[in-house]
Amino acid sequence: MSHRIVRHWNSYDELSRIEARAAERYTKVGYDSSAWAVTSGEALEGYATRGLLWVAEKNGEAVGFATAERYYPFFHLEELNVLPDLQGLGIGKSLLQAVIDEARKSHFPFMSLRTFLATPWSMGLYKRCGFKITPELERPQYLAQHIAHEQDLGVPLSHRCTMILDLNEHTRSNLAMA
């Protein structure tokens, strides 16, 4: 499958639809995907304006995207979504590598994310790429707002975890194995 990663897109609402479709997969592991708010096109355009959006495109169409935020010393992966019928083909891995590359280029020593414990497709990718589950007592303080938002949405916090990648230890070989 041939795809490329770009930094801007012409239809941010199209990316919102990808996020909604990708969330449908969560119902297979017992989560109500309707509990999650889909990122608006306006918010996605804001990520692009700040240089924090990566879009996977194939044949001129968006097939996935990732967004991030900067909380020095952490570069935080906010979202990573791939169309359900194209998951498992390396698109998510390419998006993740692009975000890691930006974090390193921007001299961040760590990268963080929040994810569900029971989603083998995401947990497997993140673990293969060197992310490690961090005990909740050791999680970065800036995540308190993220966690409060998850709680407001009714997501059981026992189903979520924080993962951190030490970019000083991470090498491209981690992703080559993923």
Foldseek 3Di string as FASTA:
>chain_A
DDKDKDLDDDFLQLQLVQVLQQLVVVVVVPDDSVLDDGDHSVVQVVQSVVSFKIFIDDPRHTFWMWGWDDDPLEIETEDTGGRPVCQPVCPSLNRVVVSLVVNVVVPRQKYKYKDFPRDCSVVVQCVLQAWDWDPPVPDDPVCVVVVVVCVVSVNPCVRMTMIMHGSVPGDVVSSVRD
